[in-house]
């Protein structure tokens, strides 16, 4: 199908995959805090207006290749057609309930494919870990130990390579703070995905409400010129 052919999306329900933006949300260590400042009030100025600041990777967000690679594309260079993408959901919440360091394995992908069929090329692979349940407890969401090592689930490098290189998925998304497991200090999954200019979505919400197949994801991002990533408003249309 070419970009000039008609494309149709059939859906029954819309699911918001974004967390509300507010001060005090969980943040990667060292990231800028979320701040709001009132600059106009209805009683004084006739209208209400705030200024806000936050990091490019705060809250539900996408990472662009410029996050890890010099002179690479930023969020403003992401083509609009790539922001509307079919998605599959792999659920490992049972495993992460027992092991917060759990990573998706090629075996998990094979098990999913035996039940639902081959992962469609061009789809967004979403990993539902159940980690969203910790969002309102920032320390638990980041889950750092006394040495600062984070214990959070993610895509294993071998599974990510399988999905990106052999299944040709359009990108990876997760409800934890990173597609990399917290113990992966080298960010190997992010490096692999962003080197291919794949979508990388993190801190997603409500993945537990999505079916394994039959979802279309719409990613709204701020086209920040020269940026590394962008806070994102992400919607899922489910059949």
Protein backbone atom coordinates (compact mmCIF):
# COMPACT_ATOMS: atom_id res chain seq x y z
CA UNK A 1 0.00 0.00 0.00
CA UNK A 2 1.42 3.39 -0.95
CA UNK A 3 0.90 6.67 0.88
CA UNK A 4 -1.45 7.72 -1.94
CA UNK A 5 -3.88 4.86 -1.35
CA UNK A 6 -6.86 5.27 0.92
CA UNK A 7 -6.39 3.96 4.45
CA UNK A 8 -9.24 3.19 6.84
CA UNK A 9 -9.23 2.79 10.61
CA UNK A 10 -12.13 0.90 12.19
CA UNK A 11 -12.48 1.23 15.95
CA UNK A 12 -15.01 0.87 18.75
CA UNK A 13 -13.19 2.50 21.65
CA UNK A 14 -10.59 5.18 22.33
CA UNK A 15 -8.08 4.58 25.14
CA UNK A 16 -5.84 7.36 26.46
CA UNK A 17 -2.31 5.99 26.85
CA UNK A 18 -0.87 9.16 28.42
CA UNK A 19 -0.36 10.06 32.05
CA UNK A 20 -1.57 13.51 33.21
CA UNK A 21 1.24 16.06 33.49
CA UNK A 22 1.62 17.51 36.96
CA UNK A 23 4.38 18.37 39.44
CA UNK A 24 5.70 15.35 41.29
CA UNK A 25 5.47 12.79 38.49
CA UNK A 26 8.16 10.06 38.40
CA UNK A 27 11.32 11.26 36.68
CA UNK A 28 14.51 9.67 35.47
CA UNK A 29 17.25 10.65 37.97
CA UNK A 30 18.56 14.10 37.04
CA UNK A 31 15.67 15.03 34.72
CA UNK A 32 14.12 18.51 35.12
CA UNK A 33 11.08 18.69 37.40
CA UNK A 34 7.66 19.73 36.14
CA UNK A 35 6.84 23.32 37.08
CA UNK A 36 3.81 25.54 36.46
CA UNK A 37 3.66 29.31 36.93
CA UNK A 38 0.49 31.40 36.65
CA UNK A 39 1.10 34.42 34.43
CA UNK A 40 -2.51 35.62 33.97
CA UNK A 41 -5.65 35.29 36.09
CA UNK A 42 -9.28 35.82 35.09
CA UNK A 43 -9.96 38.26 37.94
CA UNK A 44 -6.94 40.40 37.15
CA UNK A 45 -6.33 39.93 33.44
CA UNK A 46 -9.62 38.64 32.09
CA UNK A 47 -8.21 35.23 31.19
CA UNK A 48 -6.23 32.37 32.74
CA UNK A 49 -2.76 31.41 31.48
CA UNK A 50 0.15 29.44 32.85
CA UNK A 51 3.75 28.92 31.85
CA UNK A 52 5.14 25.41 32.30
CA UNK A 53 8.51 23.73 32.04
CA UNK A 54 9.57 20.09 31.99
CA UNK A 55 12.18 17.86 30.42
CA UNK A 56 11.80 16.52 26.91
CA UNK A 57 11.61 13.02 28.39
CA UNK A 58 9.20 13.80 31.22
CA UNK A 59 5.90 11.97 31.61
CA UNK A 60 4.59 9.93 28.70
CA UNK A 61 7.11 10.72 25.99
CA UNK A 62 8.89 9.65 22.84
CA UNK A 63 12.61 9.49 22.26
CA UNK A 64 14.12 10.51 18.94
CA UNK A 65 17.47 9.38 17.49
CA UNK A 66 19.04 12.65 18.68
CA UNK A 67 18.69 11.33 22.24
CA UNK A 68 21.72 9.10 21.77
CA UNK A 69 23.30 10.00 18.43
CA UNK A 70 24.94 13.28 17.44
CA UNK A 71 23.50 15.09 14.41
CA UNK A 72 20.57 12.65 14.32
CA UNK A 73 16.89 13.46 13.79
CA UNK A 74 14.91 15.22 16.50
CA UNK A 75 11.18 15.02 17.22
CA UNK A 76 10.36 17.73 14.69
CA UNK A 77 11.81 15.56 11.91
CA UNK A 78 9.58 12.56 12.60
CA UNK A 79 7.27 12.24 9.55
CA UNK A 80 3.59 12.64 10.42
CA UNK A 81 2.51 9.38 8.72
CA UNK A 82 4.72 7.43 11.12
CA UNK A 83 2.72 8.77 14.07
CA UNK A 84 -0.34 6.69 13.15
CA UNK A 85 0.59 3.04 13.46
CA UNK A 86 -1.00 -0.37 14.14
CA UNK A 87 0.06 -1.96 17.40
CA UNK A 88 0.36 -5.31 19.12
CA UNK A 89 0.50 -5.79 22.89
CA UNK A 90 2.61 -8.38 24.71
CA UNK A 91 1.64 -8.74 28.37
CA UNK A 92 4.29 -9.79 30.89
CA UNK A 93 2.64 -8.34 34.00
CA UNK A 94 2.52 -11.75 35.70
CA UNK A 95 6.28 -12.12 35.30
CA UNK A 96 7.09 -8.61 36.52
CA UNK A 97 4.92 -9.11 39.61
CA UNK A 98 7.42 -11.80 40.63
CA UNK A 99 10.56 -10.16 39.23
CA UNK A 100 10.84 -6.38 38.74
CA UNK A 101 13.98 -6.92 36.62
CA UNK A 102 12.12 -9.11 34.13
CA UNK A 103 12.95 -8.55 30.45
CA UNK A 104 11.04 -9.68 27.40
CA UNK A 105 12.69 -12.71 25.81
CA UNK A 106 12.54 -14.22 22.30
CA UNK A 107 10.64 -17.06 23.96
CA UNK A 108 7.94 -14.60 25.06
CA UNK A 109 7.64 -13.35 21.48
CA UNK A 110 7.42 -16.92 20.17
CA UNK A 111 4.70 -17.75 22.70
CA UNK A 112 2.73 -14.65 21.64
CA UNK A 113 3.08 -15.59 17.97
CA UNK A 114 1.89 -19.15 18.57
CA UNK A 115 -1.33 -17.72 19.97
CA UNK A 116 -1.93 -14.63 17.80
CA UNK A 117 0.11 -15.21 14.65
CA UNK A 118 3.28 -13.53 13.35
CA UNK A 119 4.04 -10.03 14.58
CA UNK A 120 2.95 -7.84 11.64
CA UNK A 121 5.75 -5.82 10.03
CA UNK A 122 5.30 -2.10 10.49
CA UNK A 123 3.48 -2.50 13.80
CA UNK A 124 4.34 -0.91 17.12
CA UNK A 125 5.29 -3.51 19.74
CA UNK A 126 3.88 -2.48 23.11
CA UNK A 127 5.08 -4.20 26.28
CA UNK A 128 2.48 -4.23 29.05
CA UNK A 129 4.37 -4.84 32.29
CA UNK A 130 1.81 -3.58 34.80
CA UNK A 131 4.35 -0.98 35.92
CA UNK A 132 1.83 1.82 35.39
CA UNK A 133 0.26 0.83 38.72
CA UNK A 134 3.24 2.47 40.47
CA UNK A 135 2.90 5.83 38.68
CA UNK A 136 1.56 7.69 41.72
CA UNK A 137 4.40 6.36 43.88
CA UNK A 138 7.45 7.90 42.15
CA UNK A 139 10.02 6.09 44.31
CA UNK A 140 8.40 2.74 43.53
CA UNK A 141 8.08 3.57 39.83
CA UNK A 142 11.82 4.34 39.54
CA UNK A 143 12.62 1.56 42.06
CA UNK A 144 16.27 2.42 42.66
CA UNK A 145 18.27 0.49 45.21
CA UNK A 146 20.81 1.93 47.66
CA UNK A 147 23.45 2.00 44.91
CA UNK A 148 21.19 3.90 42.52
CA UNK A 149 20.53 0.91 40.26
CA UNK A 150 16.96 0.87 38.98
CA UNK A 151 14.97 -2.35 39.11
CA UNK A 152 12.35 -1.99 36.40
CA UNK A 153 11.28 -4.30 33.55
CA UNK A 154 11.93 -3.76 29.86
CA UNK A 155 12.64 -5.32 26.49
CA UNK A 156 15.57 -7.72 26.54
CA UNK A 157 18.19 -6.91 23.87
CA UNK A 158 17.67 -10.24 22.07
CA UNK A 159 13.89 -9.81 21.95
CA UNK A 160 14.27 -6.22 20.79
CA UNK A 161 16.62 -7.30 18.01
CA UNK A 162 14.16 -10.01 16.97
CA UNK A 163 11.29 -7.52 16.81
CA UNK A 164 13.21 -4.74 15.09
CA UNK A 165 15.37 -6.68 12.67
CA UNK A 166 13.45 -9.88 11.92
CA UNK A 167 9.85 -8.74 12.43
CA UNK A 168 10.52 -5.19 11.18
CA UNK A 169 8.33 -3.49 13.75
CA UNK A 170 7.92 0.28 13.56
CA UNK A 171 8.92 0.82 17.16
CA UNK A 172 8.76 -0.18 20.81
CA UNK A 173 6.63 1.15 23.66
CA UNK A 174 6.34 0.38 27.37
CA UNK A 175 4.50 1.44 30.53
CA UNK A 176 7.75 1.62 32.56
CA UNK A 177 10.18 4.52 32.38
CA UNK A 178 12.31 3.00 29.64
CA UNK A 179 12.22 0.37 26.95
CA UNK A 180 15.51 -0.72 28.51
CA UNK A 181 15.29 -2.61 31.77
CA UNK A 182 16.49 -0.49 34.68
CA UNK A 183 19.57 -2.65 35.13
CA UNK A 184 20.67 -2.04 31.52
CA UNK A 185 22.97 0.91 32.13
CA UNK A 186 24.12 0.85 28.51
CA UNK A 187 20.60 1.56 27.18
CA UNK A 188 21.24 -1.15 24.61
CA UNK A 189 17.60 -1.47 23.49
CA UNK A 190 17.20 2.28 23.03
CA UNK A 191 20.44 2.40 21.05
CA UNK A 192 19.30 -0.44 18.83
CA UNK A 193 15.86 1.10 18.21
CA UNK A 194 16.99 4.69 17.71
CA UNK A 195 19.81 3.66 15.36
CA UNK A 196 17.00 2.38 13.12
CA UNK A 197 14.92 5.56 13.66
CA UNK A 198 12.22 3.39 15.24
CA UNK A 199 9.54 4.89 17.46
CA UNK A 200 10.37 4.68 21.17
CA UNK A 201 7.49 5.43 23.55
CA UNK A 202 7.91 5.34 27.32
CA UNK A 203 5.81 5.88 30.45
CA UNK A 204 2.66 4.79 28.63
CA UNK A 205 -0.59 4.33 30.53
CA UNK A 206 -3.52 1.91 30.31
CA UNK A 207 -1.77 -0.74 28.24
CA UNK A 208 -3.73 -3.30 30.26
CA UNK A 209 -6.88 -2.03 28.51
CA UNK A 210 -5.64 -2.94 25.04
CA UNK A 211 -6.20 -6.23 23.20
CA UNK A 212 -3.19 -8.20 21.91
CA UNK A 213 -4.04 -7.22 18.32
CA UNK A 214 -6.38 -4.85 16.50
CA UNK A 215 -5.21 -1.50 17.90
CA UNK A 216 -4.13 1.64 16.07
CA UNK A 217 -1.96 4.09 18.02
CA UNK A 218 -1.88 7.83 17.33
CA UNK A 219 1.12 9.70 18.73
CA UNK A 220 0.88 13.43 19.30
CA UNK A 221 4.25 15.06 19.85
CA UNK A 222 5.63 18.56 20.15
CA UNK A 223 7.80 19.24 17.08
CA UNK A 224 10.63 20.64 19.19
CA UNK A 225 13.30 21.89 16.80
CA UNK A 226 16.71 20.55 17.74
CA UNK A 227 15.22 18.44 20.53
CA UNK A 228 16.03 14.98 21.87
CA UNK A 229 12.46 13.84 22.37
CA UNK A 230 9.06 15.16 23.33
CA UNK A 231 6.28 14.74 25.86
CA UNK A 232 3.57 12.86 24.01
CA UNK A 233 -0.20 12.56 23.99
CA UNK A 234 -0.87 9.00 22.84
CA UNK A 235 -4.28 7.59 21.92
CA UNK A 236 -5.21 4.01 21.09
CA UNK A 237 -8.15 3.13 18.83
CA UNK A 238 -9.30 -0.42 19.54
CA UNK A 239 -11.63 -2.69 17.60
